[in-house]
Amino acid sequence: MGETPVWLSEQEREAWLGLNAVLTLLPAALDSDLQVLDGITLFDYHMLAMLSESTGRKMSMTKLASRTSASLSRLSHVVKKLEVRGWVAREQSEEDARVKIASLTDAGWQAVVRMAPHHVATVRALLFESLSDKDINDLRRITRKLTAGMDPEHWILQDPSKDLEP
């Protein structure tokens, strides 16, 4: 016989349904906004942003996959698509021939510079404007705890100065 399921409490159910709504609505709204702005997806933009913030605007494909929480195959597909646009280039690592390096081209940098103010304004409007500073700190703390439970080695958790406790 199977075990009796432990159902969510009403409070847990409401929290789950609220989170599920945000997980569905927010990416869709940001995707739609970026599609209209420059014909790219939220994931495409996030990958470009991670490259733009890295030293020399380049990163190994493995590290970039980690930074974008993506599989190498998904990342490779997106990099190929953005190479066609002239925004990203791939090259062999000089230190290790097995390692591929993705780099943001000058055109890719200009695309990020052009899109970033609009994207940040949209994120602010959709996410942060309705939250207090306390809400934002709580959201930060909660998302770090959730991330730690799913991927304790996730790069976002690697800064020891960012405590998970309130």
Protein backbone atom coordinates (compact mmCIF):
# COMPACT_ATOMS: atom_id res chain seq x y z
CA MET A 1 0.00 0.00 0.00
CA GLY A 2 1.11 3.55 -0.73
CA GLU A 3 1.73 6.10 1.95
CA THR A 4 -0.98 8.59 2.79
CA PRO A 5 -0.13 11.90 1.12
CA VAL A 6 0.63 14.85 3.35
CA TRP A 7 -1.40 17.63 1.78
CA LEU A 8 -0.38 21.26 1.87
CA SER A 9 -1.84 23.37 4.64
CA GLU A 10 -4.03 26.26 3.48
CA GLN A 11 -1.14 28.67 4.14
CA GLU A 12 1.31 26.47 2.18
CA ARG A 13 -1.21 26.06 -0.65
CA GLU A 14 -1.71 29.82 -0.95
CA ALA A 15 2.07 30.41 -0.88
CA TRP A 16 2.61 27.73 -3.53
CA LEU A 17 -0.15 29.03 -5.80
CA GLY A 18 1.19 32.58 -5.44
CA LEU A 19 4.73 31.48 -6.25
CA ASN A 20 3.47 29.42 -9.18
CA ALA A 21 1.62 32.46 -10.53
CA VAL A 22 4.78 34.59 -10.28
CA LEU A 23 6.88 31.82 -11.88
CA THR A 24 4.44 31.78 -14.80
CA LEU A 25 3.52 35.44 -15.23
CA LEU A 26 6.85 37.20 -14.61
CA PRO A 27 9.00 35.30 -17.15
CA ALA A 28 6.22 35.50 -19.74
CA ALA A 29 5.93 39.28 -19.29
CA LEU A 30 9.71 39.78 -19.43
CA ASP A 31 10.02 37.46 -22.45
CA SER A 32 7.29 39.35 -24.26
CA ASP A 33 8.87 42.70 -23.46
CA LEU A 34 12.31 41.62 -24.73
CA GLN A 35 10.79 40.05 -27.85
CA VAL A 36 9.18 43.39 -28.74
CA LEU A 37 12.30 45.36 -27.78
CA ASP A 38 14.95 43.33 -29.62
CA GLY A 39 13.53 39.97 -30.68
CA ILE A 40 15.20 37.94 -27.94
CA THR A 41 14.06 35.89 -24.96
CA LEU A 42 14.62 36.51 -21.28
CA PHE A 43 17.14 33.65 -21.26
CA ASP A 44 19.01 35.20 -24.20
CA TYR A 45 19.19 38.52 -22.37
CA HIS A 46 20.25 36.88 -19.09
CA MET A 47 23.08 35.07 -20.86
CA LEU A 48 24.25 38.32 -22.50
CA ALA A 49 24.04 40.11 -19.14
CA MET A 50 26.14 37.42 -17.41
CA LEU A 51 28.79 37.77 -20.12
CA SER A 52 28.67 41.57 -19.86
CA GLU A 53 29.41 41.37 -16.13
CA SER A 54 32.32 38.92 -16.45
CA THR A 55 36.00 39.83 -16.64
CA GLY A 56 36.89 40.59 -20.24
CA ARG A 57 33.24 39.93 -21.16
CA LYS A 58 34.07 36.25 -21.63
CA MET A 59 33.46 33.03 -19.77
CA SER A 60 33.83 29.30 -20.32
CA MET A 61 30.67 27.66 -21.62
CA THR A 62 30.54 25.49 -18.48
CA LYS A 63 30.71 28.47 -16.15
CA LEU A 64 28.21 30.39 -18.28
CA ALA A 65 25.82 27.43 -18.11
CA SER A 66 26.14 27.55 -14.32
CA ARG A 67 25.62 31.32 -14.23
CA THR A 68 22.45 31.00 -16.28
CA SER A 69 21.20 27.81 -14.56
CA ALA A 70 21.07 26.12 -17.96
CA SER A 71 22.18 22.88 -19.51
CA LEU A 72 25.20 23.03 -21.81
CA SER A 73 23.02 21.95 -24.74
CA ARG A 74 20.48 24.76 -24.17
CA LEU A 75 23.29 27.27 -23.74
CA SER A 76 25.05 26.04 -26.88
CA HIS A 77 21.85 26.47 -28.89
CA VAL A 78 21.38 30.06 -27.63
CA VAL A 79 25.04 30.96 -28.17
CA LYS A 80 24.77 29.67 -31.75
CA LYS A 81 21.65 31.83 -32.30
CA LEU A 82 23.39 34.93 -30.87
CA GLU A 83 26.56 34.23 -32.88
CA VAL A 84 24.41 34.62 -36.01
CA ARG A 85 23.38 38.07 -34.75
CA GLY A 86 27.05 38.93 -34.18
CA TRP A 87 26.56 39.42 -30.44
CA VAL A 88 28.54 36.43 -29.15
CA ALA A 89 31.65 34.61 -30.36
CA ARG A 90 32.95 31.18 -29.37
CA GLU A 91 36.61 30.25 -29.27
CA GLN A 92 38.90 27.56 -27.94
CA SER A 93 40.53 28.27 -24.58
CA GLU A 94 44.23 29.02 -24.91
CA GLU A 95 44.92 27.18 -21.64
CA ASP A 96 42.82 24.06 -22.29
CA ALA A 97 41.80 22.91 -25.77
CA ARG A 98 38.81 21.03 -24.30
CA VAL A 99 37.28 24.28 -23.04
CA LYS A 100 35.13 26.54 -25.19
CA ILE A 101 34.96 30.23 -24.30
CA ALA A 102 31.95 32.42 -25.06
CA SER A 103 32.64 36.12 -25.40
CA LEU A 104 30.45 39.15 -25.86
CA THR A 105 31.36 40.99 -29.05
CA ASP A 106 31.36 44.78 -29.29
CA ALA A 107 27.99 44.53 -31.06
CA GLY A 108 26.72 42.31 -28.22
CA TRP A 109 27.95 44.83 -25.67
CA GLN A 110 26.12 47.61 -27.52
CA ALA A 111 22.96 45.48 -27.55
CA VAL A 112 23.16 44.99 -23.77
CA VAL A 113 23.83 48.70 -23.24
CA ARG A 114 20.80 49.50 -25.41
CA MET A 115 18.45 46.95 -23.77
CA ALA A 116 19.52 47.13 -20.12
CA PRO A 117 17.83 50.39 -19.07
CA HIS A 118 14.50 49.27 -20.53
CA HIS A 119 14.80 45.75 -19.07
CA VAL A 120 15.70 47.04 -15.60
CA ALA A 121 12.77 49.48 -15.69
CA THR A 122 10.45 46.62 -16.61
CA VAL A 123 11.80 44.39 -13.82
CA ARG A 124 11.41 47.27 -11.38
CA ALA A 125 7.82 47.92 -12.50
CA LEU A 126 6.74 44.27 -12.50
CA LEU A 127 8.57 43.12 -9.37
CA PHE A 128 9.99 45.73 -7.05
CA GLU A 129 7.68 48.75 -7.16
CA SER A 130 4.96 46.93 -5.25
CA LEU A 131 7.37 45.71 -2.55
CA SER A 132 8.73 47.47 0.53
CA ASP A 133 12.43 47.32 1.43
CA LYS A 134 11.54 44.66 4.02
CA ASP A 135 9.67 42.66 1.34
CA ILE A 136 12.70 42.86 -0.97
CA ASN A 137 15.05 41.67 1.79
CA ASP A 138 12.60 38.85 2.63
CA LEU A 139 12.38 37.88 -1.05
CA ARG A 140 16.17 37.85 -1.31
CA ARG A 141 16.49 35.69 1.80
CA ILE A 142 13.72 33.30 0.75
CA THR A 143 15.01 32.84 -2.80
CA ARG A 144 18.50 32.11 -1.47
CA LYS A 145 17.08 29.47 0.89
CA LEU A 146 15.06 27.89 -1.92
CA THR A 147 18.09 27.90 -4.21
CA ALA A 148 20.26 26.33 -1.49
CA GLY A 149 17.71 23.55 -1.09
CA MET A 150 17.72 22.77 -4.80
CA ASP A 151 21.37 23.45 -5.66
CA PRO A 152 23.68 23.99 -2.66
CA GLU A 153 26.60 24.68 -5.04
CA HIS A 154 24.75 27.33 -7.06
CA TRP A 155 27.02 30.28 -7.85
CA ILE A 156 24.62 32.80 -6.31
CA LEU A 157 25.19 31.18 -2.91
CA GLN A 158 28.99 31.35 -3.08
CA ASP A 159 29.32 34.75 -1.38
CA PRO A 160 29.78 33.88 2.33
CA SER A 161 28.86 37.45 3.34
CA LYS A 162 25.28 36.79 2.17
CA ASP A 163 23.78 35.03 5.16
CA LEU A 164 20.62 32.98 4.63
CA GLU A 165 19.19 33.88 8.03
CA PRO A 166 16.93 36.92 8.58
